PDB file of N, CA and C in Angstrom:
ATOM      1  N   MET A   1      43.509  22.162  21.932  1.00  0.00           N
ATOM      2  CA  MET A   1      42.701  21.506  23.084  1.00  0.00           C
ATOM      3  C   MET A   1      41.054  21.760  22.336  1.00  0.00           C
ATOM      4  N   SER A   2      40.384  20.798  22.454  1.00  0.00           N
ATOM      5  CA  SER A   2      38.996  20.500  21.986  1.00  0.00           C
ATOM      6  C   SER A   2      37.956  21.364  22.677  1.00  0.00           C
ATOM      7  N   ALA A   3      36.726  21.281  21.937  1.00  0.00           N
ATOM      8  CA  ALA A   3      35.655  21.971  22.882  1.00  0.00           C
ATOM      9  C   ALA A   3      35.392  21.175  23.734  1.00  0.00           C
ATOM     10  N   VAL A   4      35.317  19.960  23.913  1.00  0.00           N
ATOM     11  CA  VAL A   4      35.274  18.730  24.897  1.00  0.00           C
ATOM     12  C   VAL A   4      36.029  19.033  26.334  1.00  0.00           C
ATOM     13  N   GLY A   5      37.280  19.308  26.084  1.00  0.00           N
ATOM     14  CA  GLY A   5      38.379  19.713  27.007  1.00  0.00           C
ATOM     15  C   GLY A   5      38.399  21.022  27.594  1.00  0.00           C
ATOM     16  N   CYS A   6      37.416  21.973  27.096  1.00  0.00           N
ATOM     17  CA  CYS A   6      37.456  23.092  27.267  1.00  0.00           C
ATOM     18  C   CYS A   6      36.925  23.503  28.263  1.00  0.00           C
ATOM     19  N   VAL A   7      37.687  23.969  29.555  1.00  0.00           N
ATOM     20  CA  VAL A   7      36.729  24.604  30.691  1.00  0.00           C
ATOM     21  C   VAL A   7      35.738  25.617  30.483  1.00  0.00           C
ATOM     22  N   PHE A   8      35.853  26.789  29.541  1.00  0.00           N
ATOM     23  CA  PHE A   8      35.169  27.621  29.136  1.00  0.00           C
ATOM     24  C   PHE A   8      34.054  27.277  28.366  1.00  0.00           C
ATOM     25  N   CYS A   9      33.998  26.147  27.474  1.00  0.00           N
ATOM     26  CA  CYS A   9      33.040  25.445  27.011  1.00  0.00           C
ATOM     27  C   CYS A   9      31.950  24.826  27.935  1.00  0.00           C
ATOM     28  N   ARG A  10      32.606  24.153  28.665  1.00  0.00           N
ATOM     29  CA  ARG A  10      31.956  23.217  29.887  1.00  0.00           C
ATOM     30  C   ARG A  10      31.116  24.393  30.755  1.00  0.00           C
ATOM     31  N   ILE A  11      31.533  25.654  30.978  1.00  0.00           N
ATOM     32  CA  ILE A  11      30.947  26.504  31.908  1.00  0.00           C
ATOM     33  C   ILE A  11      30.095  27.423  31.074  1.00  0.00           C
ATOM     34  N   ALA A  12      30.035  27.612  29.695  1.00  0.00           N
ATOM     35  CA  ALA A  12      29.105  28.000  28.646  1.00  0.00           C
ATOM     36  C   ALA A  12      27.885  26.881  28.514  1.00  0.00           C
ATOM     37  N   ALA A  13      28.252  25.708  28.854  1.00  0.00           N
ATOM     38  CA  ALA A  13      27.136  24.575  28.707  1.00  0.00           C
ATOM     39  C   ALA A  13      26.388  24.272  29.893  1.00  0.00           C
ATOM     40  N   GLY A  14      26.690  25.211  30.883  1.00  0.00           N
ATOM     41  CA  GLY A  14      26.401  24.873  32.311  1.00  0.00           C
ATOM     42  C   GLY A  14      26.423  23.543  33.137  1.00  0.00           C
ATOM     43  N   ASP A  15      27.667  23.147  32.701  1.00  0.00           N
ATOM     44  CA  ASP A  15      28.293  21.873  33.354  1.00  0.00           C
ATOM     45  C   ASP A  15      28.411  22.128  35.088  1.00  0.00           C
ATOM     46  N   PRO A  16      27.534  21.347  35.697  1.00  0.00           N
ATOM     47  CA  PRO A  16      27.636  21.787  37.174  1.00  0.00           C
ATOM     48  C   PRO A  16      29.161  21.191  37.892  1.00  0.00           C
ATOM     49  N   ALA A  17      30.267  20.626  37.040  1.00  0.00           N
ATOM     50  CA  ALA A  17      30.988  20.305  37.565  1.00  0.00           C
ATOM     51  C   ALA A  17      32.397  21.579  37.280  1.00  0.00           C
ATOM     52  N   GLU A  18      31.817  22.599  36.755  1.00  0.00           N
ATOM     53  CA  GLU A  18      32.349  23.822  36.534  1.00  0.00           C
ATOM     54  C   GLU A  18      31.376  25.025  36.674  1.00  0.00           C
ATOM     55  N   PRO A  19      31.481  25.422  38.347  1.00  0.00           N
ATOM     56  CA  PRO A  19      30.689  26.396  38.441  1.00  0.00           C
ATOM     57  C   PRO A  19      31.212  27.645  38.152  1.00  0.00           C
ATOM     58  N   ALA A  20      30.347  28.680  37.652  1.00  0.00           N
ATOM     59  CA  ALA A  20      30.794  30.203  37.639  1.00  0.00           C
ATOM     60  C   ALA A  20      29.717  31.062  38.036  1.00  0.00           C
ATOM     61  N   THR A  21      30.450  32.011  38.492  1.00  0.00           N
ATOM     62  CA  THR A  21      29.504  33.448  38.727  1.00  0.00           C
ATOM     63  C   THR A  21      29.214  34.002  37.361  1.00  0.00           C
ATOM     64  N   VAL A  22      27.822  33.675  37.047  1.00  0.00           N
ATOM     65  CA  VAL A  22      27.416  34.422  35.833  1.00  0.00           C
ATOM     66  C   VAL A  22      26.870  35.591  35.905  1.00  0.00           C
ATOM     67  N   ILE A  23      27.419  36.588  35.257  1.00  0.00           N
ATOM     68  CA  ILE A  23      27.011  38.009  35.290  1.00  0.00           C
ATOM     69  C   ILE A  23      25.882  38.407  34.361  1.00  0.00           C
ATOM     70  N   GLN A  24      26.343  37.594  33.020  1.00  0.00           N
ATOM     71  CA  GLN A  24      25.045  38.103  32.053  1.00  0.00           C
ATOM     72  C   GLN A  24      25.225  36.995  31.061  1.00  0.00           C
ATOM     73  N   GLU A  25      23.975  36.818  30.382  1.00  0.00           N
ATOM     74  CA  GLU A  25      24.162  36.043  29.499  1.00  0.00           C
ATOM     75  C   GLU A  25      23.347  36.362  28.222  1.00  0.00           C
ATOM     76  N   TRP A  26      23.761  36.005  26.859  1.00  0.00           N
ATOM     77  CA  TRP A  26      23.115  35.934  25.797  1.00  0.00           C
ATOM     78  C   TRP A  26      23.058  34.831  24.873  1.00  0.00           C
ATOM     79  N   PRO A  27      22.388  34.893  24.059  1.00  0.00           N
ATOM     80  CA  PRO A  27      22.593  33.797  22.906  1.00  0.00           C
ATOM     81  C   PRO A  27      23.935  33.369  22.436  1.00  0.00           C
ATOM     82  N   ASP A  28      24.805  34.465  21.896  1.00  0.00           N
ATOM     83  CA  ASP A  28      26.164  33.927  21.583  1.00  0.00           C
ATOM     84  C   ASP A  28      27.284  33.985  22.538  1.00  0.00           C
ATOM     85  N   ALA A  29      27.087  34.420  23.951  1.00  0.00           N
ATOM     86  CA  ALA A  29      28.188  34.724  25.078  1.00  0.00           C
ATOM     87  C   ALA A  29      27.688  34.679  26.183  1.00  0.00           C
ATOM     88  N   LEU A  30      28.525  34.656  27.153  1.00  0.00           N
ATOM     89  CA  LEU A  30      28.077  35.137  28.373  1.00  0.00           C
ATOM     90  C   LEU A  30      29.381  35.623  29.034  1.00  0.00           C
ATOM     91  N   ALA A  31      29.147  36.377  30.060  1.00  0.00           N
ATOM     92  CA  ALA A  31      30.124  37.403  31.128  1.00  0.00           C
ATOM     93  C   ALA A  31      30.315  36.651  32.626  1.00  0.00           C
ATOM     94  N   ILE A  32      31.552  36.294  32.841  1.00  0.00           N
ATOM     95  CA  ILE A  32      31.582  35.587  34.097  1.00  0.00           C
ATOM     96  C   ILE A  32      32.501  36.286  35.004  1.00  0.00           C
ATOM     97  N   VAL A  33      32.675  35.830  36.247  1.00  0.00           N
ATOM     98  CA  VAL A  33      34.019  36.447  37.214  1.00  0.00           C
ATOM     99  C   VAL A  33      34.957  35.483  37.175  1.00  0.00           C
ATOM    100  N   PRO A  34      35.993  36.070  36.709  1.00  0.00           N
ATOM    101  CA  PRO A  34      37.047  34.706  36.733  1.00  0.00           C
ATOM    102  C   PRO A  34      37.626  34.367  38.251  1.00  0.00           C
ATOM    103  N   LEU A  35      38.341  33.423  38.326  1.00  0.00           N
ATOM    104  CA  LEU A  35      38.794  32.875  39.318  1.00  0.00           C
ATOM    105  C   LEU A  35      39.513  33.770  40.038  1.00  0.00           C
ATOM    106  N   GLY A  36      40.184  34.357  39.774  1.00  0.00           N
ATOM    107  CA  GLY A  36      41.152  35.424  40.800  1.00  0.00           C
ATOM    108  C   GLY A  36      41.311  36.811  39.767  1.00  0.00           C
ATOM    109  N   PRO A  37      39.704  37.324  40.212  1.00  0.00           N
ATOM    110  CA  PRO A  37      39.747  38.654  39.580  1.00  0.00           C
ATOM    111  C   PRO A  37      40.981  39.691  40.260  1.00  0.00           C
ATOM    112  N   VAL A  38      41.514  40.727  39.319  1.00  0.00           N
ATOM    113  CA  VAL A  38      42.514  41.577  39.472  1.00  0.00           C
ATOM    114  C   VAL A  38      41.867  42.958  40.360  1.00  0.00           C
ATOM    115  N   THR A  39      40.936  43.211  40.022  1.00  0.00           N
ATOM    116  CA  THR A  39      39.857  44.473  40.571  1.00  0.00           C
ATOM    117  C   THR A  39      38.569  44.202  40.795  1.00  0.00           C
ATOM    118  N   PRO A  40      37.809  44.885  41.822  1.00  0.00           N
ATOM    119  CA  PRO A  40      36.416  44.599  41.714  1.00  0.00           C
ATOM    120  C   PRO A  40      35.739  44.746  40.498  1.00  0.00           C
ATOM    121  N   GLY A  41      34.822  43.953  40.274  1.00  0.00           N
ATOM    122  CA  GLY A  41      34.170  43.829  38.689  1.00  0.00           C
ATOM    123  C   GLY A  41      35.139  43.568  37.529  1.00  0.00           C
ATOM    124  N   HIS A  42      35.987  42.867  37.973  1.00  0.00           N
ATOM    125  CA  HIS A  42      36.816  42.050  36.771  1.00  0.00           C
ATOM    126  C   HIS A  42      35.924  41.043  36.157  1.00  0.00           C
ATOM    127  N   TRP A  43      35.485  41.014  34.909  1.00  0.00           N
ATOM    128  CA  TRP A  43      34.693  40.241  34.295  1.00  0.00           C
ATOM    129  C   TRP A  43      35.312  39.687  33.053  1.00  0.00           C
ATOM    130  N   LEU A  44      35.307  38.395  32.684  1.00  0.00           N
ATOM    131  CA  LEU A  44      35.422  37.826  31.287  1.00  0.00           C
ATOM    132  C   LEU A  44      34.202  37.713  30.371  1.00  0.00           C
ATOM    133  N   VAL A  45      33.955  37.967  29.079  1.00  0.00           N
ATOM    134  CA  VAL A  45      33.114  37.783  28.304  1.00  0.00           C
ATOM    135  C   VAL A  45      33.786  36.626  27.237  1.00  0.00           C
ATOM    136  N   ILE A  46      33.080  35.366  27.167  1.00  0.00           N
ATOM    137  CA  ILE A  46      33.692  34.377  26.553  1.00  0.00           C
ATOM    138  C   ILE A  46      32.125  34.156  25.650  1.00  0.00           C
ATOM    139  N   PRO A  47      32.722  33.783  24.371  1.00  0.00           N
ATOM    140  CA  PRO A  47      31.520  33.308  23.072  1.00  0.00           C
ATOM    141  C   PRO A  47      31.090  31.591  23.896  1.00  0.00           C
ATOM    142  N   ARG A  48      30.191  31.433  23.352  1.00  0.00           N
ATOM    143  CA  ARG A  48      29.820  30.138  23.564  1.00  0.00           C
ATOM    144  C   ARG A  48      30.244  29.093  22.289  1.00  0.00           C
ATOM    145  N   THR A  49      30.568  29.577  21.331  1.00  0.00           N
ATOM    146  CA  THR A  49      31.010  28.857  20.181  1.00  0.00           C
ATOM    147  C   THR A  49      32.820  28.516  20.578  1.00  0.00           C
ATOM    148  N   HIS A  50      33.341  27.740  20.524  1.00  0.00           N
ATOM    149  CA  HIS A  50      34.770  27.345  21.133  1.00  0.00           C
ATOM    150  C   HIS A  50      35.679  27.883  19.695  1.00  0.00           C
ATOM    151  N   VAL A  51      36.337  28.957  20.337  1.00  0.00           N
ATOM    152  CA  VAL A  51      37.325  29.452  19.384  1.00  0.00           C
ATOM    153  C   VAL A  51      38.221  29.542  20.199  1.00  0.00           C
ATOM    154  N   ARG A  52      39.555  29.256  19.652  1.00  0.00           N
ATOM    155  CA  ARG A  52      41.026  28.994  20.375  1.00  0.00           C
ATOM    156  C   ARG A  52      41.507  30.365  20.967  1.00  0.00           C
ATOM    157  N   ASP A  53      41.131  31.693  19.903  1.00  0.00           N
ATOM    158  CA  ASP A  53      41.691  32.590  20.177  1.00  0.00           C
ATOM    159  C   ASP A  53      40.977  33.990  19.436  1.00  0.00           C
ATOM    160  N   ALA A  54      41.433  35.083  19.289  1.00  0.00           N
ATOM    161  CA  ALA A  54      40.808  36.122  18.644  1.00  0.00           C
ATOM    162  C   ALA A  54      41.266  36.235  17.184  1.00  0.00           C
ATOM    163  N   ALA A  55      42.268  35.435  16.935  1.00  0.00           N
ATOM    164  CA  ALA A  55      42.740  35.441  15.609  1.00  0.00           C
ATOM    165  C   ALA A  55      41.967  34.299  14.536  1.00  0.00           C
ATOM    166  N   GLU A  56      41.292  33.422  15.591  1.00  0.00           N
ATOM    167  CA  GLU A  56      40.646  32.239  14.829  1.00  0.00           C
ATOM    168  C   GLU A  56      39.492  32.402  13.936  1.00  0.00           C
ATOM    169  N   ARG A  57      38.782  33.189  14.493  1.00  0.00           N
ATOM    170  CA  ARG A  57      37.282  33.514  13.993  1.00  0.00           C
ATOM    171  C   ARG A  57      37.259  34.796  14.236  1.00  0.00           C
ATOM    172  N   PRO A  58      37.576  35.968  13.249  1.00  0.00           N
ATOM    173  CA  PRO A  58      37.185  37.199  13.579  1.00  0.00           C
ATOM    174  C   PRO A  58      36.013  37.686  14.052  1.00  0.00           C
ATOM    175  N   GLU A  59      34.862  36.794  13.114  1.00  0.00           N
ATOM    176  CA  GLU A  59      33.401  37.452  13.619  1.00  0.00           C
ATOM    177  C   GLU A  59      33.244  36.926  15.025  1.00  0.00           C
ATOM    178  N   VAL A  60      33.479  35.840  15.211  1.00  0.00           N
ATOM    179  CA  VAL A  60      33.346  35.485  16.907  1.00  0.00           C
ATOM    180  C   VAL A  60      33.896  36.433  17.830  1.00  0.00           C
ATOM    181  N   THR A  61      35.385  37.104  17.190  1.00  0.00           N
ATOM    182  CA  THR A  61      35.750  37.965  18.228  1.00  0.00           C
ATOM    183  C   THR A  61      34.861  39.200  18.210  1.00  0.00           C
ATOM    184  N   ALA A  62      34.423  39.680  17.202  1.00  0.00           N
ATOM    185  CA  ALA A  62      33.800  40.887  16.750  1.00  0.00           C
ATOM    186  C   ALA A  62      32.712  41.040  17.729  1.00  0.00           C
ATOM    187  N   ALA A  63      31.843  39.892  17.335  1.00  0.00           N
ATOM    188  CA  ALA A  63      30.758  39.430  18.606  1.00  0.00           C
ATOM    189  C   ALA A  63      30.847  39.519  19.950  1.00  0.00           C
ATOM    190  N   THR A  64      32.098  38.850  20.360  1.00  0.00           N
ATOM    191  CA  THR A  64      32.273  39.015  21.897  1.00  0.00           C
ATOM    192  C   THR A  64      32.731  40.323  22.160  1.00  0.00           C
ATOM    193  N   VAL A  65      33.507  41.143  21.409  1.00  0.00           N
ATOM    194  CA  VAL A  65      33.871  42.330  22.001  1.00  0.00           C
ATOM    195  C   VAL A  65      32.566  43.336  21.799  1.00  0.00           C
ATOM    196  N   TYR A  66      31.805  42.789  21.061  1.00  0.00           N
ATOM    197  CA  TYR A  66      30.425  43.732  21.222  1.00  0.00           C
ATOM    198  C   TYR A  66      30.015  43.567  22.491  1.00  0.00           C
ATOM    199  N   ARG A  67      29.815  42.206  22.708  1.00  0.00           N
ATOM    200  CA  ARG A  67      29.096  41.969  24.141  1.00  0.00           C
ATOM    201  C   ARG A  67      29.719  42.394  25.497  1.00  0.00           C
ATOM    202  N   ALA A  68      31.095  42.707  25.289  1.00  0.00           N
ATOM    203  CA  ALA A  68      31.853  43.486  26.606  1.00  0.00           C
ATOM    204  C   ALA A  68      31.666  45.016  26.483  1.00  0.00           C
ATOM    205  N   ALA A  69      31.794  45.246  25.136  1.00  0.00           N
ATOM    206  CA  ALA A  69      31.243  46.928  25.086  1.00  0.00           C
ATOM    207  C   ALA A  69      29.834  47.084  25.742  1.00  0.00           C
ATOM    208  N   GLU A  70      28.840  46.211  25.311  1.00  0.00           N
ATOM    209  CA  GLU A  70      27.498  46.683  25.877  1.00  0.00           C
ATOM    210  C   GLU A  70      27.694  46.463  27.583  1.00  0.00           C
ATOM    211  N   LEU A  71      28.295  45.523  28.285  1.00  0.00           N
ATOM    212  CA  LEU A  71      28.493  45.771  29.389  1.00  0.00           C
ATOM    213  C   LEU A  71      29.202  46.896  29.972  1.00  0.00           C
ATOM    214  N   ILE A  72      30.143  47.362  29.621  1.00  0.00           N
ATOM    215  CA  ILE A  72      30.935  48.475  29.926  1.00  0.00           C
ATOM    216  C   ILE A  72      30.374  49.702  29.639  1.00  0.00           C
ATOM    217  N   GLY A  73      29.132  49.676  28.747  1.00  0.00           N
ATOM    218  CA  GLY A  73      28.289  50.828  28.461  1.00  0.00           C
ATOM    219  C   GLY A  73      27.330  50.832  29.817  1.00  0.00           C
ATOM    220  N   GLU A  74      26.852  49.814  30.188  1.00  0.00           N
ATOM    221  CA  GLU A  74      26.207  49.636  31.280  1.00  0.00           C
ATOM    222  C   GLU A  74      26.678  50.162  32.521  1.00  0.00           C
ATOM    223  N   THR A  75      27.900  49.897  33.095  1.00  0.00           N
ATOM    224  CA  THR A  75      28.503  50.153  34.119  1.00  0.00           C
ATOM    225  C   THR A  75      29.004  51.516  34.102  1.00  0.00           C
ATOM    226  N   GLY A  76      29.443  51.791  33.063  1.00  0.00           N
ATOM    227  CA  GLY A  76      29.553  53.524  33.009  1.00  0.00           C
ATOM    228  C   GLY A  76      31.460  53.703  33.636  1.00  0.00           C
ATOM    229  N   ASP A  77      31.929  52.480  33.876  1.00  0.00           N
ATOM    230  CA  ASP A  77      33.324  52.463  34.475  1.00  0.00           C
ATOM    231  C   ASP A  77      34.285  52.870  33.393  1.00  0.00           C
ATOM    232  N   ASP A  78      35.696  53.253  34.030  1.00  0.00           N
ATOM    233  CA  ASP A  78      36.767  53.472  33.225  1.00  0.00           C
ATOM    234  C   ASP A  78      37.351  51.915  33.253  1.00  0.00           C
ATOM    235  N   VAL A  79      37.770  51.388  32.138  1.00  0.00           N
ATOM    236  CA  VAL A  79      38.055  49.806  31.949  1.00  0.00           C
ATOM    237  C   VAL A  79      39.501  49.729  31.055  1.00  0.00           C
ATOM    238  N   ASN A  80      39.991  48.761  31.634  1.00  0.00           N
ATOM    239  CA  ASN A  80      40.856  48.049  30.259  1.00  0.00           C
ATOM    240  C   ASN A  80      40.084  47.066  29.582  1.00  0.00           C
ATOM    241  N   LEU A  81      40.219  46.767  28.442  1.00  0.00           N
ATOM    242  CA  LEU A  81      39.424  45.501  27.678  1.00  0.00           C
ATOM    243  C   LEU A  81      40.897  44.887  27.288  1.00  0.00           C
ATOM    244  N   ILE A  82      40.911  43.811  27.348  1.00  0.00           N
ATOM    245  CA  ILE A  82      42.387  43.268  27.331  1.00  0.00           C
ATOM    246  C   ILE A  82      41.539  41.751  26.541  1.00  0.00           C
ATOM    247  N   VAL A  83      42.362  41.322  25.542  1.00  0.00           N
ATOM    248  CA  VAL A  83      42.490  40.331  24.950  1.00  0.00           C
ATOM    249  C   VAL A  83      43.796  39.379  24.617  1.00  0.00           C
ATOM    250  N   ASN A  84      44.105  38.494  24.997  1.00  0.00           N
ATOM    251  CA  ASN A  84      45.363  37.905  24.847  1.00  0.00           C
ATOM    252  C   ASN A  84      45.375  36.875  24.000  1.00  0.00           C
ATOM    253  N   VAL A  85      46.510  36.912  22.942  1.00  0.00           N
ATOM    254  CA  VAL A  85      46.457  35.565  21.659  1.00  0.00           C
ATOM    255  C   VAL A  85      47.544  35.063  22.114  1.00  0.00           C
ATOM    256  N   GLY A  86      47.476  33.587  22.429  1.00  0.00           N
ATOM    257  CA  GLY A  86      48.771  33.086  22.713  1.00  0.00           C
ATOM    258  C   GLY A  86      49.510  33.135  23.959  1.00  0.00           C
ATOM    259  N   THR A  87      50.334  32.150  24.444  1.00  0.00           N
ATOM    260  CA  THR A  87      50.744  31.866  25.464  1.00  0.00           C
ATOM    261  C   THR A  87      51.972  33.177  25.776  1.00  0.00           C
ATOM    262  N   ALA A  88      52.585  33.502  25.009  1.00  0.00           N
ATOM    263  CA  ALA A  88      53.958  34.352  25.104  1.00  0.00           C
ATOM    264  C   ALA A  88      53.067  35.795  25.468  1.00  0.00           C
ATOM    265  N   ALA A  89      51.670  36.019  24.923  1.00  0.00           N
ATOM    266  CA  ALA A  89      51.196  37.126  25.266  1.00  0.00           C
ATOM    267  C   ALA A  89      50.061  36.975  26.685  1.00  0.00           C
ATOM    268  N   GLY A  90      50.135  36.037  27.311  1.00  0.00           N
ATOM    269  CA  GLY A  90      49.606  35.668  28.430  1.00  0.00           C
ATOM    270  C   GLY A  90      48.704  35.123  28.517  1.00  0.00           C
ATOM    271  N   GLN A  91      47.973  34.448  27.256  1.00  0.00           N
ATOM    272  CA  GLN A  91      46.608  33.657  27.115  1.00  0.00           C
ATOM    273  C   GLN A  91      46.951  32.434  27.759  1.00  0.00           C
ATOM    274  N   THR A  92      45.885  31.984  28.993  1.00  0.00           N
ATOM    275  CA  THR A  92      46.013  30.814  29.499  1.00  0.00           C
ATOM    276  C   THR A  92      44.948  29.899  29.501  1.00  0.00           C
ATOM    277  N   VAL A  93      44.067  30.117  28.810  1.00  0.00           N
ATOM    278  CA  VAL A  93      43.005  29.308  28.302  1.00  0.00           C
ATOM    279  C   VAL A  93      42.780  28.992  27.037  1.00  0.00           C
ATOM    280  N   ASP A  94      42.719  28.253  25.963  1.00  0.00           N
ATOM    281  CA  ASP A  94      42.620  28.071  24.905  1.00  0.00           C
ATOM    282  C   ASP A  94      41.108  28.362  24.150  1.00  0.00           C
ATOM    283  N   HIS A  95      40.499  29.370  24.641  1.00  0.00           N
ATOM    284  CA  HIS A  95      39.190  29.826  24.521  1.00  0.00           C
ATOM    285  C   HIS A  95      39.277  31.257  24.555  1.00  0.00           C
ATOM    286  N   LEU A  96      38.859  31.941  23.166  1.00  0.00           N
ATOM    287  CA  LEU A  96      38.675  33.207  23.234  1.00  0.00           C
ATOM    288  C   LEU A  96      37.909  33.856  24.473  1.00  0.00           C
ATOM    289  N   HIS A  97      38.467  35.029  25.143  1.00  0.00           N
ATOM    290  CA  HIS A  97      38.017  35.481  26.333  1.00  0.00           C
ATOM    291  C   HIS A  97      38.550  37.094  26.363  1.00  0.00           C
ATOM    292  N   VAL A  98      37.461  37.855  26.574  1.00  0.00           N
ATOM    293  CA  VAL A  98      37.723  39.236  26.580  1.00  0.00           C
ATOM    294  C   VAL A  98      37.601  39.760  28.192  1.00  0.00           C
ATOM    295  N   HIS A  99      38.816  40.328  28.581  1.00  0.00           N
ATOM    296  CA  HIS A  99      38.915  40.644  29.937  1.00  0.00           C
ATOM    297  C   HIS A  99      38.286  42.202  30.208  1.00  0.00           C
ATOM    298  N   ILE A 100      37.331  42.432  31.230  1.00  0.00           N
ATOM    299  CA  ILE A 100      36.882  43.704  31.379  1.00  0.00           C
ATOM    300  C   ILE A 100      37.293  44.080  32.537  1.00  0.00           C
ATOM    301  N   VAL A 101      38.261  44.923  32.986  1.00  0.00           N
ATOM    302  CA  VAL A 101      38.967  45.293  33.709  1.00  0.00           C
ATOM    303  C   VAL A 101      38.605  46.672  34.798  1.00  0.00           C
ATOM    304  N   PRO A 102      37.825  46.901  35.363  1.00  0.00           N
ATOM    305  CA  PRO A 102      37.312  48.091  36.014  1.00  0.00           C
ATOM    306  C   PRO A 102      38.838  48.888  36.495  1.00  0.00           C
ATOM    307  N   ARG A 103      38.979  50.302  36.311  1.00  0.00           N
ATOM    308  CA  ARG A 103      40.130  51.024  36.562  1.00  0.00           C
ATOM    309  C   ARG A 103      39.492  52.214  37.565  1.00  0.00           C
ATOM    310  N   LYS A 104      40.172  52.659  38.462  1.00  0.00           N
ATOM    311  CA  LYS A 104      40.125  53.807  39.281  1.00  0.00           C
ATOM    312  C   LYS A 104      41.313  54.665  39.216  1.00  0.00           C
ATOM    313  N   ALA A 105      41.150  55.907  39.208  1.00  0.00           N
ATOM    314  CA  ALA A 105      42.710  56.636  39.538  1.00  0.00           C
ATOM    315  C   ALA A 105      43.479  56.218  40.623  1.00  0.00           C
ATOM    316  N   GLY A 106      44.922  55.971  40.599  1.00  0.00           N
ATOM    317  CA  GLY A 106      45.637  55.510  41.705  1.00  0.00           C
ATOM    318  C   GLY A 106      45.547  54.182  42.180  1.00  0.00           C
ATOM    319  N   ASP A 107      44.841  53.367  41.181  1.00  0.00           N
ATOM    320  CA  ASP A 107      44.646  51.762  41.837  1.00  0.00           C
ATOM    321  C   ASP A 107      45.770  51.000  42.010  1.00  0.00           C
ATOM    322  N   SER A 108      47.053  51.814  41.422  1.00  0.00           N
ATOM    323  CA  SER A 108      48.255  51.030  41.293  1.00  0.00           C
ATOM    324  C   SER A 108      48.361  49.620  40.605  1.00  0.00           C
ATOM    325  N   LEU A 109      47.150  49.159  39.615  1.00  0.00           N
ATOM    326  CA  LEU A 109      47.191  47.842  39.052  1.00  0.00           C
ATOM    327  C   LEU A 109      48.216  48.288  37.936  1.00  0.00           C
ATOM    328  N   ALA A 110      49.311  47.349  37.943  1.00  0.00           N
ATOM    329  CA  ALA A 110      50.282  47.405  36.697  1.00  0.00           C
ATOM    330  C   ALA A 110      50.188  46.782  35.600  1.00  0.00           C
ATOM    331  N   LEU A 111      49.878  47.238  34.455  1.00  0.00           N
ATOM    332  CA  LEU A 111      49.720  45.946  33.234  1.00  0.00           C
ATOM    333  C   LEU A 111      51.086  45.695  32.848  1.00  0.00           C
ATOM    334  N   PRO A 112      50.925  44.475  32.282  1.00  0.00           N
ATOM    335  CA  PRO A 112      52.500  43.858  31.748  1.00  0.00           C
ATOM    336  C   PRO A 112      53.512  44.993  31.276  1.00  0.00           C
ATOM    337  N   TRP A 113      53.085  45.716  30.364  1.00  0.00           N
ATOM    338  CA  TRP A 113      53.895  46.585  29.835  1.00  0.00           C
ATOM    339  C   TRP A 113      54.253  47.750  30.370  1.00  0.00           C
ATOM    340  N   THR A 114      53.407  48.287  31.450  1.00  0.00           N
ATOM    341  CA  THR A 114      53.772  49.538  32.197  1.00  0.00           C
ATOM    342  C   THR A 114      54.744  48.996  33.358  1.00  0.00           C
ATOM    343  N   ARG A 115      55.558  50.099  33.963  1.00  0.00           N
ATOM    344  CA  ARG A 115      56.465  49.976  34.856  1.00  0.00           C
ATOM    345  C   ARG A 115      55.737  50.649  36.423  1.00  0.00           C
TER     346      ARG A 115
END
């Protein structure tokens, strides 16, 4: 998918046809609330540069994970930091995005590899 057809690129550009709840903005990335958060405080950190996935441009991936780590440091929450690469791994949007999923003891949110 090209940047033109990418929903995350349109969100990053501020396209009014793609409204999003923005948590934080930086020159290189932004954090938004996903459409279906799995826990309260579940956010996505997306780079403003169109990058298909974490393997395509490691320097963009590193900068995006850095921004996610900054947010985690501000919240002090226990979290899962999740990056999916490819559809078999659960990637549903072809634009790099880092999930920040806050966790609480006993919250019973099962990750894909847990039983």
